[in-house]
PDB file of N, CA and C in Angstrom:
ATOM      1  N   UNK A   1       0.838  -1.169   0.000  1.00  0.00           N
ATOM      2  CA  UNK A   1       0.000   0.000   0.000  1.00  0.00           C
ATOM      3  C   UNK A   1       0.888   1.239   0.000  1.00  0.00           C
ATOM      4  N   UNK A   2       0.283   2.354  -0.323  1.00  0.00           N
ATOM      5  CA  UNK A   2       1.060   3.595  -0.314  1.00  0.00           C
ATOM      6  C   UNK A   2       0.137   4.801  -0.309  1.00  0.00           C
ATOM      7  N   UNK A   3       0.758   5.944  -0.202  1.00  0.00           N
ATOM      8  CA  UNK A   3       0.045   7.210  -0.217  1.00  0.00           C
ATOM      9  C   UNK A   3      -0.775   7.365  -1.502  1.00  0.00           C
ATOM     10  N   UNK A   4      -0.364   6.696  -2.546  1.00  0.00           N
ATOM     11  CA  UNK A   4      -1.070   6.791  -3.826  1.00  0.00           C
ATOM     12  C   UNK A   4      -2.406   6.046  -3.826  1.00  0.00           C
ATOM     13  N   UNK A   5      -2.588   5.091  -2.945  1.00  0.00           N
ATOM     14  CA  UNK A   5      -3.843   4.339  -2.838  1.00  0.00           C
ATOM     15  C   UNK A   5      -4.763   5.094  -1.882  1.00  0.00           C
ATOM     16  N   UNK A   6      -5.544   5.996  -2.432  1.00  0.00           N
ATOM     17  CA  UNK A   6      -6.307   6.959  -1.641  1.00  0.00           C
ATOM     18  C   UNK A   6      -7.414   6.364  -0.787  1.00  0.00           C
ATOM     19  N   UNK A   7      -7.999   5.265  -1.167  1.00  0.00           N
ATOM     20  CA  UNK A   7      -9.160   4.739  -0.455  1.00  0.00           C
ATOM     21  C   UNK A   7      -8.862   3.514   0.391  1.00  0.00           C
ATOM     22  N   UNK A   8      -7.576   3.321   0.719  1.00  0.00           N
ATOM     23  CA  UNK A   8      -7.170   2.150   1.491  1.00  0.00           C
ATOM     24  C   UNK A   8      -6.348   2.592   2.682  1.00  0.00           C
ATOM     25  N   UNK A   9      -6.661   2.042   3.859  1.00  0.00           N
ATOM     26  CA  UNK A   9      -5.797   2.259   5.012  1.00  0.00           C
ATOM     27  C   UNK A   9      -4.638   1.291   4.869  1.00  0.00           C
ATOM     28  N   UNK A  10      -3.424   1.828   4.849  1.00  0.00           N
ATOM     29  CA  UNK A  10      -2.250   1.009   4.561  1.00  0.00           C
ATOM     30  C   UNK A  10      -2.029  -0.073   5.610  1.00  0.00           C
ATOM     31  N   UNK A  11      -1.979   0.316   6.888  1.00  0.00           N
ATOM     32  CA  UNK A  11      -1.740  -0.631   7.977  1.00  0.00           C
ATOM     33  C   UNK A  11      -2.485  -0.160   9.216  1.00  0.00           C
ATOM     34  N   UNK A  12      -2.967  -1.131   9.989  1.00  0.00           N
ATOM     35  CA  UNK A  12      -3.585  -0.829  11.273  1.00  0.00           C
ATOM     36  C   UNK A  12      -2.898  -1.699  12.315  1.00  0.00           C
ATOM     37  N   UNK A  13      -2.482  -1.061  13.405  1.00  0.00           N
ATOM     38  CA  UNK A  13      -1.865  -1.784  14.510  1.00  0.00           C
ATOM     39  C   UNK A  13      -2.323  -1.149  15.808  1.00  0.00           C
ATOM     40  N   UNK A  14      -1.776  -1.615  16.918  1.00  0.00           N
ATOM     41  CA  UNK A  14      -2.135  -1.055  18.213  1.00  0.00           C
ATOM     42  C   UNK A  14      -0.875  -0.736  18.990  1.00  0.00           C
ATOM     43  N   UNK A  15      -0.924   0.377  19.708  1.00  0.00           N
ATOM     44  CA  UNK A  15       0.213   0.818  20.512  1.00  0.00           C
ATOM     45  C   UNK A  15      -0.331   1.537  21.741  1.00  0.00           C
ATOM     46  N   UNK A  16      -0.066   1.012  22.922  1.00  0.00           N
ATOM     47  CA  UNK A  16      -0.512   1.622  24.186  1.00  0.00           C
ATOM     48  C   UNK A  16      -2.012   1.912  24.194  1.00  0.00           C
ATOM     49  N   UNK A  17      -2.801   0.970  23.693  1.00  0.00           N
ATOM     50  CA  UNK A  17      -4.244   1.131  23.691  1.00  0.00           C
ATOM     51  C   UNK A  17      -4.790   1.988  22.564  1.00  0.00           C
ATOM     52  N   UNK A  18      -3.927   2.589  21.769  1.00  0.00           N
ATOM     53  CA  UNK A  18      -4.359   3.405  20.621  1.00  0.00           C
ATOM     54  C   UNK A  18      -4.298   2.549  19.362  1.00  0.00           C
ATOM     55  N   UNK A  19      -5.233   2.804  18.481  1.00  0.00           N
ATOM     56  CA  UNK A  19      -5.148   2.212  17.157  1.00  0.00           C
ATOM     57  C   UNK A  19      -4.239   3.111  16.330  1.00  0.00           C
ATOM     58  N   UNK A  20      -3.262   2.513  15.700  1.00  0.00           N
ATOM     59  CA  UNK A  20      -2.305   3.239  14.877  1.00  0.00           C
ATOM     60  C   UNK A  20      -2.642   2.973  13.422  1.00  0.00           C
ATOM     61  N   UNK A  21      -2.945   4.047  12.697  1.00  0.00           N
ATOM     62  CA  UNK A  21      -3.252   3.961  11.274  1.00  0.00           C
ATOM     63  C   UNK A  21      -2.032   4.495  10.545  1.00  0.00           C
ATOM     64  N   UNK A  22      -1.345   3.613   9.831  1.00  0.00           N
ATOM     65  CA  UNK A  22      -0.080   3.988   9.209  1.00  0.00           C
ATOM     66  C   UNK A  22      -0.236   4.255   7.721  1.00  0.00           C
ATOM     67  N   UNK A  23       0.559   5.214   7.268  1.00  0.00           N
ATOM     68  CA  UNK A  23       0.626   5.572   5.848  1.00  0.00           C
ATOM     69  C   UNK A  23       2.057   5.384   5.400  1.00  0.00           C
ATOM     70  N   UNK A  24       2.242   4.724   4.285  1.00  0.00           N
ATOM     71  CA  UNK A  24       3.555   4.528   3.691  1.00  0.00           C
ATOM     72  C   UNK A  24       3.718   5.514   2.536  1.00  0.00           C
ATOM     73  N   UNK A  25       4.742   6.377   2.631  1.00  0.00           N
ATOM     74  CA  UNK A  25       4.958   7.416   1.614  1.00  0.00           C
ATOM     75  C   UNK A  25       6.355   7.271   1.017  1.00  0.00           C
ATOM     76  N   UNK A  26       6.397   6.852  -0.220  1.00  0.00           N
ATOM     77  CA  UNK A  26       7.669   6.617  -0.911  1.00  0.00           C
ATOM     78  C   UNK A  26       8.027   7.735  -1.897  1.00  0.00           C
ATOM     79  N   UNK A  27       7.257   8.801  -1.894  1.00  0.00           N
ATOM     80  CA  UNK A  27       7.432   9.854  -2.901  1.00  0.00           C
ATOM     81  C   UNK A  27       8.416  10.931  -2.461  1.00  0.00           C
ATOM     82  N   UNK A  28       9.110  11.514  -3.433  1.00  0.00           N
ATOM     83  CA  UNK A  28      10.006  12.642  -3.187  1.00  0.00           C
ATOM     84  C   UNK A  28       9.187  13.871  -2.843  1.00  0.00           C
ATOM     85  N   UNK A  29       9.766  14.760  -2.062  1.00  0.00           N
ATOM     86  CA  UNK A  29       9.125  16.014  -1.706  1.00  0.00           C
ATOM     87  C   UNK A  29       9.397  17.055  -2.776  1.00  0.00           C
ATOM     88  N   UNK A  30       8.576  18.091  -2.793  1.00  0.00           N
ATOM     89  CA  UNK A  30       8.820  19.194  -3.706  1.00  0.00           C
ATOM     90  C   UNK A  30       7.735  19.430  -4.730  1.00  0.00           C
ATOM     91  N   UNK A  31       6.689  18.620  -4.699  1.00  0.00           N
ATOM     92  CA  UNK A  31       5.615  18.843  -5.669  1.00  0.00           C
ATOM     93  C   UNK A  31       4.290  19.053  -4.947  1.00  0.00           C
ATOM     94  N   UNK A  32       3.473  19.901  -5.522  1.00  0.00           N
ATOM     95  CA  UNK A  32       2.146  20.159  -4.962  1.00  0.00           C
ATOM     96  C   UNK A  32       1.279  18.902  -5.023  1.00  0.00           C
ATOM     97  N   UNK A  33       1.485  18.084  -6.038  1.00  0.00           N
ATOM     98  CA  UNK A  33       0.671  16.868  -6.166  1.00  0.00           C
ATOM     99  C   UNK A  33       0.961  15.892  -5.026  1.00  0.00           C
ATOM    100  N   UNK A  34       2.201  15.844  -4.569  1.00  0.00           N
ATOM    101  CA  UNK A  34       2.546  14.984  -3.441  1.00  0.00           C
ATOM    102  C   UNK A  34       1.815  15.450  -2.180  1.00  0.00           C
ATOM    103  N   UNK A  35       1.869  16.747  -1.910  1.00  0.00           N
ATOM    104  CA  UNK A  35       1.178  17.281  -0.732  1.00  0.00           C
ATOM    105  C   UNK A  35      -0.325  17.033  -0.821  1.00  0.00           C
ATOM    106  N   UNK A  36      -0.872  17.190  -2.008  1.00  0.00           N
ATOM    107  CA  UNK A  36      -2.302  16.956  -2.197  1.00  0.00           C
ATOM    108  C   UNK A  36      -2.654  15.494  -1.927  1.00  0.00           C
ATOM    109  N   UNK A  37      -1.872  14.565  -2.469  1.00  0.00           N
ATOM    110  CA  UNK A  37      -2.126  13.139  -2.239  1.00  0.00           C
ATOM    111  C   UNK A  37      -2.055  12.802  -0.754  1.00  0.00           C
ATOM    112  N   UNK A  38      -1.050  13.356  -0.101  1.00  0.00           N
ATOM    113  CA  UNK A  38      -0.881  13.102   1.325  1.00  0.00           C
ATOM    114  C   UNK A  38      -2.048  13.683   2.127  1.00  0.00           C
ATOM    115  N   UNK A  39      -2.454  14.882   1.784  1.00  0.00           N
ATOM    116  CA  UNK A  39      -3.596  15.517   2.455  1.00  0.00           C
ATOM    117  C   UNK A  39      -4.859  14.694   2.260  1.00  0.00           C
ATOM    118  N   UNK A  40      -5.098  14.229   1.056  1.00  0.00           N
ATOM    119  CA  UNK A  40      -6.292  13.433   0.783  1.00  0.00           C
ATOM    120  C   UNK A  40      -6.260  12.105   1.529  1.00  0.00           C
ATOM    121  N   UNK A  41      -5.108  11.491   1.621  1.00  0.00           N
ATOM    122  CA  UNK A  41      -4.983  10.219   2.350  1.00  0.00           C
ATOM    123  C   UNK A  41      -5.263  10.444   3.838  1.00  0.00           C
ATOM    124  N   UNK A  42      -4.694  11.489   4.409  1.00  0.00           N
ATOM    125  CA  UNK A  42      -4.922  11.800   5.819  1.00  0.00           C
ATOM    126  C   UNK A  42      -6.402  12.127   6.045  1.00  0.00           C
ATOM    127  N   UNK A  43      -7.009  12.869   5.147  1.00  0.00           N
ATOM    128  CA  UNK A  43      -8.440  13.184   5.256  1.00  0.00           C
ATOM    129  C   UNK A  43      -9.295  11.923   5.227  1.00  0.00           C
ATOM    130  N   UNK A  44      -8.925  10.956   4.397  1.00  0.00           N
ATOM    131  CA  UNK A  44      -9.665   9.701   4.335  1.00  0.00           C
ATOM    132  C   UNK A  44      -9.539   8.951   5.662  1.00  0.00           C
ATOM    133  N   UNK A  45      -8.331   8.925   6.237  1.00  0.00           N
ATOM    134  CA  UNK A  45      -8.140   8.277   7.535  1.00  0.00           C
ATOM    135  C   UNK A  45      -8.992   8.971   8.591  1.00  0.00           C
ATOM    136  N   UNK A  46      -8.961  10.296   8.605  1.00  0.00           N
ATOM    137  CA  UNK A  46      -9.732  11.061   9.578  1.00  0.00           C
ATOM    138  C   UNK A  46     -11.228  10.800   9.413  1.00  0.00           C
ATOM    139  N   UNK A  47     -11.683  10.721   8.202  1.00  0.00           N
ATOM    140  CA  UNK A  47     -13.090  10.420   7.937  1.00  0.00           C
ATOM    141  C   UNK A  47     -13.461   9.044   8.488  1.00  0.00           C
ATOM    142  N   UNK A  48     -12.594   8.056   8.292  1.00  0.00           N
ATOM    143  CA  UNK A  48     -12.851   6.707   8.798  1.00  0.00           C
ATOM    144  C   UNK A  48     -12.917   6.693  10.323  1.00  0.00           C
ATOM    145  N   UNK A  49     -12.107   7.546  10.955  1.00  0.00           N
ATOM    146  CA  UNK A  49     -12.138   7.650  12.415  1.00  0.00           C
ATOM    147  C   UNK A  49     -13.428   8.326  12.858  1.00  0.00           C
ATOM    148  N   UNK A  50     -13.720   9.472  12.274  1.00  0.00           N
ATOM    149  CA  UNK A  50     -14.819  10.305  12.756  1.00  0.00           C
ATOM    150  C   UNK A  50     -16.203   9.784  12.404  1.00  0.00           C
ATOM    151  N   UNK A  51     -16.325   9.012  11.336  1.00  0.00           N
ATOM    152  CA  UNK A  51     -17.652   8.492  11.008  1.00  0.00           C
ATOM    153  C   UNK A  51     -17.994   7.218  11.785  1.00  0.00           C
ATOM    154  N   UNK A  52     -17.062   6.789  12.654  1.00  0.00           N
ATOM    155  CA  UNK A  52     -17.316   5.631  13.499  1.00  0.00           C
ATOM    156  C   UNK A  52     -16.988   4.302  12.861  1.00  0.00           C
ATOM    157  N   UNK A  53     -16.581   4.314  11.617  1.00  0.00           N
ATOM    158  CA  UNK A  53     -16.273   3.074  10.904  1.00  0.00           C
ATOM    159  C   UNK A  53     -15.211   2.259  11.635  1.00  0.00           C
ATOM    160  N   UNK A  54     -14.161   2.914  12.109  1.00  0.00           N
ATOM    161  CA  UNK A  54     -13.080   2.177  12.765  1.00  0.00           C
ATOM    162  C   UNK A  54     -13.450   1.720  14.164  1.00  0.00           C
ATOM    163  N   UNK A  55     -14.224   2.505  14.890  1.00  0.00           N
ATOM    164  CA  UNK A  55     -14.618   2.066  16.230  1.00  0.00           C
ATOM    165  C   UNK A  55     -15.592   0.890  16.162  1.00  0.00           C
ATOM    166  N   UNK A  56     -16.286   0.753  15.063  1.00  0.00           N
ATOM    167  CA  UNK A  56     -17.148  -0.412  14.866  1.00  0.00           C
ATOM    168  C   UNK A  56     -16.300  -1.677  14.759  1.00  0.00           C
ATOM    169  N   UNK A  57     -15.216  -1.591  13.998  1.00  0.00           N
ATOM    170  CA  UNK A  57     -14.336  -2.750  13.801  1.00  0.00           C
ATOM    171  C   UNK A  57     -13.349  -2.947  14.940  1.00  0.00           C
ATOM    172  N   UNK A  58     -13.001  -1.863  15.624  1.00  0.00           N
ATOM    173  CA  UNK A  58     -11.999  -1.915  16.688  1.00  0.00           C
ATOM    174  C   UNK A  58     -12.526  -1.224  17.944  1.00  0.00           C
ATOM    175  N   UNK A  59     -13.539  -1.780  18.599  1.00  0.00           N
ATOM    176  CA  UNK A  59     -14.130  -1.119  19.769  1.00  0.00           C
ATOM    177  C   UNK A  59     -13.189  -1.058  20.971  1.00  0.00           C
ATOM    178  N   UNK A  60     -12.156  -1.874  20.979  1.00  0.00           N
ATOM    179  CA  UNK A  60     -11.226  -1.896  22.100  1.00  0.00           C
ATOM    180  C   UNK A  60     -10.120  -0.843  21.981  1.00  0.00           C
ATOM    181  N   UNK A  61     -10.208   0.036  21.017  1.00  0.00           N
ATOM    182  CA  UNK A  61      -9.240   1.140  20.879  1.00  0.00           C
ATOM    183  C   UNK A  61      -9.644   2.232  21.869  1.00  0.00           C
ATOM    184  N   UNK A  62      -9.332   1.988  23.123  1.00  0.00           N
ATOM    185  CA  UNK A  62      -9.833   2.847  24.200  1.00  0.00           C
ATOM    186  C   UNK A  62      -9.095   4.176  24.319  1.00  0.00           C
ATOM    187  N   UNK A  63      -7.895   4.264  23.813  1.00  0.00           N
ATOM    188  CA  UNK A  63      -7.106   5.498  23.963  1.00  0.00           C
ATOM    189  C   UNK A  63      -7.040   6.315  22.687  1.00  0.00           C
ATOM    190  N   UNK A  64      -7.953   6.094  21.772  1.00  0.00           N
ATOM    191  CA  UNK A  64      -8.017   6.913  20.574  1.00  0.00           C
ATOM    192  C   UNK A  64      -7.186   6.397  19.421  1.00  0.00           C
ATOM    193  N   UNK A  65      -6.857   7.325  18.531  1.00  0.00           N
ATOM    194  CA  UNK A  65      -6.191   6.974  17.285  1.00  0.00           C
ATOM    195  C   UNK A  65      -4.930   7.807  17.073  1.00  0.00           C
ATOM    196  N   UNK A  66      -3.976   7.192  16.414  1.00  0.00           N
ATOM    197  CA  UNK A  66      -2.728   7.828  16.023  1.00  0.00           C
ATOM    198  C   UNK A  66      -2.542   7.581  14.536  1.00  0.00           C
ATOM    199  N   UNK A  67      -2.327   8.647  13.782  1.00  0.00           N
ATOM    200  CA  UNK A  67      -1.973   8.494  12.371  1.00  0.00           C
ATOM    201  C   UNK A  67      -0.458   8.610  12.294  1.00  0.00           C
ATOM    202  N   UNK A  68       0.156   7.573  11.783  1.00  0.00           N
ATOM    203  CA  UNK A  68       1.610   7.494  11.717  1.00  0.00           C
ATOM    204  C   UNK A  68       2.043   7.430  10.254  1.00  0.00           C
ATOM    205  N   UNK A  69       2.892   8.356   9.879  1.00  0.00           N
ATOM    206  CA  UNK A  69       3.347   8.479   8.500  1.00  0.00           C
ATOM    207  C   UNK A  69       4.802   8.020   8.405  1.00  0.00           C
ATOM    208  N   UNK A  70       5.068   7.069   7.532  1.00  0.00           N
ATOM    209  CA  UNK A  70       6.424   6.566   7.309  1.00  0.00           C
ATOM    210  C   UNK A  70       6.914   7.072   5.960  1.00  0.00           C
ATOM    211  N   UNK A  71       7.989   7.835   5.999  1.00  0.00           N
ATOM    212  CA  UNK A  71       8.522   8.502   4.810  1.00  0.00           C
ATOM    213  C   UNK A  71       9.804   7.844   4.319  1.00  0.00           C
ATOM    214  N   UNK A  72       9.937   7.751   3.022  1.00  0.00           N
ATOM    215  CA  UNK A  72      11.184   7.277   2.433  1.00  0.00           C
ATOM    216  C   UNK A  72      12.210   8.411   2.375  1.00  0.00           C
ATOM    217  N   UNK A  73      11.715   9.648   2.158  1.00  0.00           N
ATOM    218  CA  UNK A  73      12.600  10.797   1.992  1.00  0.00           C
ATOM    219  C   UNK A  73      12.347  11.844   3.068  1.00  0.00           C
ATOM    220  N   UNK A  74      13.401  12.508   3.466  1.00  0.00           N
ATOM    221  CA  UNK A  74      13.319  13.618   4.411  1.00  0.00           C
ATOM    222  C   UNK A  74      12.476  14.731   3.788  1.00  0.00           C
ATOM    223  N   UNK A  75      11.496  15.258   4.531  1.00  0.00           N
ATOM    224  CA  UNK A  75      10.669  16.321   3.950  1.00  0.00           C
ATOM    225  C   UNK A  75      11.462  17.620   3.764  1.00  0.00           C
ATOM    226  N   UNK A  76      11.111  18.353   2.709  1.00  0.00           N
ATOM    227  CA  UNK A  76      11.714  19.665   2.492  1.00  0.00           C
ATOM    228  C   UNK A  76      11.033  20.672   3.423  1.00  0.00           C
ATOM    229  N   UNK A  77      11.405  21.937   3.316  1.00  0.00           N
ATOM    230  CA  UNK A  77      10.873  22.964   4.211  1.00  0.00           C
ATOM    231  C   UNK A  77       9.349  23.049   4.134  1.00  0.00           C
ATOM    232  N   UNK A  78       8.823  23.021   2.925  1.00  0.00           N
ATOM    233  CA  UNK A  78       7.371  23.071   2.753  1.00  0.00           C
ATOM    234  C   UNK A  78       6.717  21.818   3.348  1.00  0.00           C
ATOM    235  N   UNK A  79       7.369  20.679   3.181  1.00  0.00           N
ATOM    236  CA  UNK A  79       6.846  19.436   3.746  1.00  0.00           C
ATOM    237  C   UNK A  79       6.813  19.451   5.260  1.00  0.00           C
ATOM    238  N   UNK A  80       7.877  19.973   5.883  1.00  0.00           N
ATOM    239  CA  UNK A  80       7.916  20.061   7.339  1.00  0.00           C
ATOM    240  C   UNK A  80       6.788  20.968   7.843  1.00  0.00           C
ATOM    241  N   UNK A  81       6.593  22.099   7.178  1.00  0.00           N
ATOM    242  CA  UNK A  81       5.517  23.018   7.567  1.00  0.00           C
ATOM    243  C   UNK A  81       4.156  22.325   7.437  1.00  0.00           C
ATOM    244  N   UNK A  82       3.955  21.600   6.350  1.00  0.00           N
ATOM    245  CA  UNK A  82       2.712  20.862   6.137  1.00  0.00           C
ATOM    246  C   UNK A  82       2.493  19.846   7.252  1.00  0.00           C
ATOM    247  N   UNK A  83       3.526  19.068   7.572  1.00  0.00           N
ATOM    248  CA  UNK A  83       3.410  18.029   8.589  1.00  0.00           C
ATOM    249  C   UNK A  83       3.154  18.617   9.975  1.00  0.00           C
ATOM    250  N   UNK A  84       3.746  19.759  10.274  1.00  0.00           N
ATOM    251  CA  UNK A  84       3.479  20.445  11.542  1.00  0.00           C
ATOM    252  C   UNK A  84       2.027  20.908  11.610  1.00  0.00           C
ATOM    253  N   UNK A  85       1.514  21.413  10.497  1.00  0.00           N
ATOM    254  CA  UNK A  85       0.104  21.828  10.445  1.00  0.00           C
ATOM    255  C   UNK A  85      -0.836  20.640  10.634  1.00  0.00           C
ATOM    256  N   UNK A  86      -0.484  19.511  10.018  1.00  0.00           N
ATOM    257  CA  UNK A  86      -1.295  18.298  10.171  1.00  0.00           C
ATOM    258  C   UNK A  86      -1.324  17.879  11.638  1.00  0.00           C
ATOM    259  N   UNK A  87      -0.152  17.871  12.269  1.00  0.00           N
ATOM    260  CA  UNK A  87      -0.065  17.484  13.683  1.00  0.00           C
ATOM    261  C   UNK A  87      -0.946  18.392  14.548  1.00  0.00           C
ATOM    262  N   UNK A  88      -0.829  19.701  14.356  1.00  0.00           N
ATOM    263  CA  UNK A  88      -1.630  20.649  15.139  1.00  0.00           C
ATOM    264  C   UNK A  88      -3.122  20.436  14.901  1.00  0.00           C
ATOM    265  N   UNK A  89      -3.500  20.264  13.645  1.00  0.00           N
ATOM    266  CA  UNK A  89      -4.908  20.071  13.286  1.00  0.00           C
ATOM    267  C   UNK A  89      -5.462  18.809  13.940  1.00  0.00           C
ATOM    268  N   UNK A  90      -4.735  17.695  13.820  1.00  0.00           N
ATOM    269  CA  UNK A  90      -5.208  16.437  14.389  1.00  0.00           C
ATOM    270  C   UNK A  90      -5.229  16.489  15.912  1.00  0.00           C
ATOM    271  N   UNK A  91      -4.223  17.118  16.510  1.00  0.00           N
ATOM    272  CA  UNK A  91      -4.203  17.267  17.971  1.00  0.00           C
ATOM    273  C   UNK A  91      -5.421  18.049  18.449  1.00  0.00           C
ATOM    274  N   UNK A  92      -5.787  19.102  17.714  1.00  0.00           N
ATOM    275  CA  UNK A  92      -6.969  19.893  18.077  1.00  0.00           C
ATOM    276  C   UNK A  92      -8.245  19.057  18.042  1.00  0.00           C
ATOM    277  N   UNK A  93      -8.250  18.023  17.206  1.00  0.00           N
ATOM    278  CA  UNK A  93      -9.406  17.129  17.112  1.00  0.00           C
ATOM    279  C   UNK A  93      -9.331  15.966  18.100  1.00  0.00           C
ATOM    280  N   UNK A  94      -8.228  15.899  18.863  1.00  0.00           N
ATOM    281  CA  UNK A  94      -8.076  14.832  19.850  1.00  0.00           C
ATOM    282  C   UNK A  94      -7.371  13.598  19.341  1.00  0.00           C
ATOM    283  N   UNK A  95      -6.707  13.709  18.208  1.00  0.00           N
ATOM    284  CA  UNK A  95      -5.976  12.578  17.630  1.00  0.00           C
ATOM    285  C   UNK A  95      -4.485  12.894  17.620  1.00  0.00           C
ATOM    286  N   UNK A  96      -3.686  11.859  17.553  1.00  0.00           N
ATOM    287  CA  UNK A  96      -2.241  12.037  17.515  1.00  0.00           C
ATOM    288  C   UNK A  96      -1.719  11.836  16.099  1.00  0.00           C
ATOM    289  N   UNK A  97      -0.542  12.417  15.849  1.00  0.00           N
ATOM    290  CA  UNK A  97       0.104  12.302  14.548  1.00  0.00           C
ATOM    291  C   UNK A  97       1.608  12.279  14.756  1.00  0.00           C
ATOM    292  N   UNK A  98       2.262  11.450  13.981  1.00  0.00           N
ATOM    293  CA  UNK A  98       3.725  11.442  13.973  1.00  0.00           C
ATOM    294  C   UNK A  98       4.199  11.046  12.586  1.00  0.00           C
ATOM    295  N   UNK A  99       5.429  11.439  12.305  1.00  0.00           N
ATOM    296  CA  UNK A  99       6.043  10.965  11.064  1.00  0.00           C
ATOM    297  C   UNK A  99       7.461  10.511  11.357  1.00  0.00           C
ATOM    298  N   UNK A 100       7.885   9.534  10.585  1.00  0.00           N
ATOM    299  CA  UNK A 100       9.211   8.943  10.739  1.00  0.00           C
ATOM    300  C   UNK A 100       9.828   8.811   9.363  1.00  0.00           C
ATOM    301  N   UNK A 101      11.068   9.260   9.232  1.00  0.00           N
ATOM    302  CA  UNK A 101      11.822   9.058   8.002  1.00  0.00           C
ATOM    303  C   UNK A 101      12.596   7.759   8.161  1.00  0.00           C
ATOM    304  N   UNK A 102      12.347   6.820   7.288  1.00  0.00           N
ATOM    305  CA  UNK A 102      13.038   5.538   7.340  1.00  0.00           C
ATOM    306  C   UNK A 102      14.394   5.666   6.655  1.00  0.00           C
ATOM    307  N   UNK A 103      15.400   5.200   7.321  1.00  0.00           N
ATOM    308  CA  UNK A 103      16.761   5.305   6.763  1.00  0.00           C
ATOM    309  C   UNK A 103      17.028   4.237   5.745  1.00  0.00           C
TER     310      UNK A 103
END
């Protein structure tokens, strides 16, 4: 799975009582289309959380949800700003967000 598959949750796992919804991103930074794809994927995950779809399948996720983004490439300046905005936005909604650059 990847960021390009817009209607699929890439991976679901559990960590400290939270359901972790992971996104795999193998794309280079620097294009508006990449940011758009990433935004749409995150929006789809958020929709699945907020419409109750995931709590129906995973009622034991007692500590909420974490969206975890795994990156192949280090984000550029615009990417870092975007990811910080995503984190703030999701935190305001009561969800967690993190990203990791895989070496």
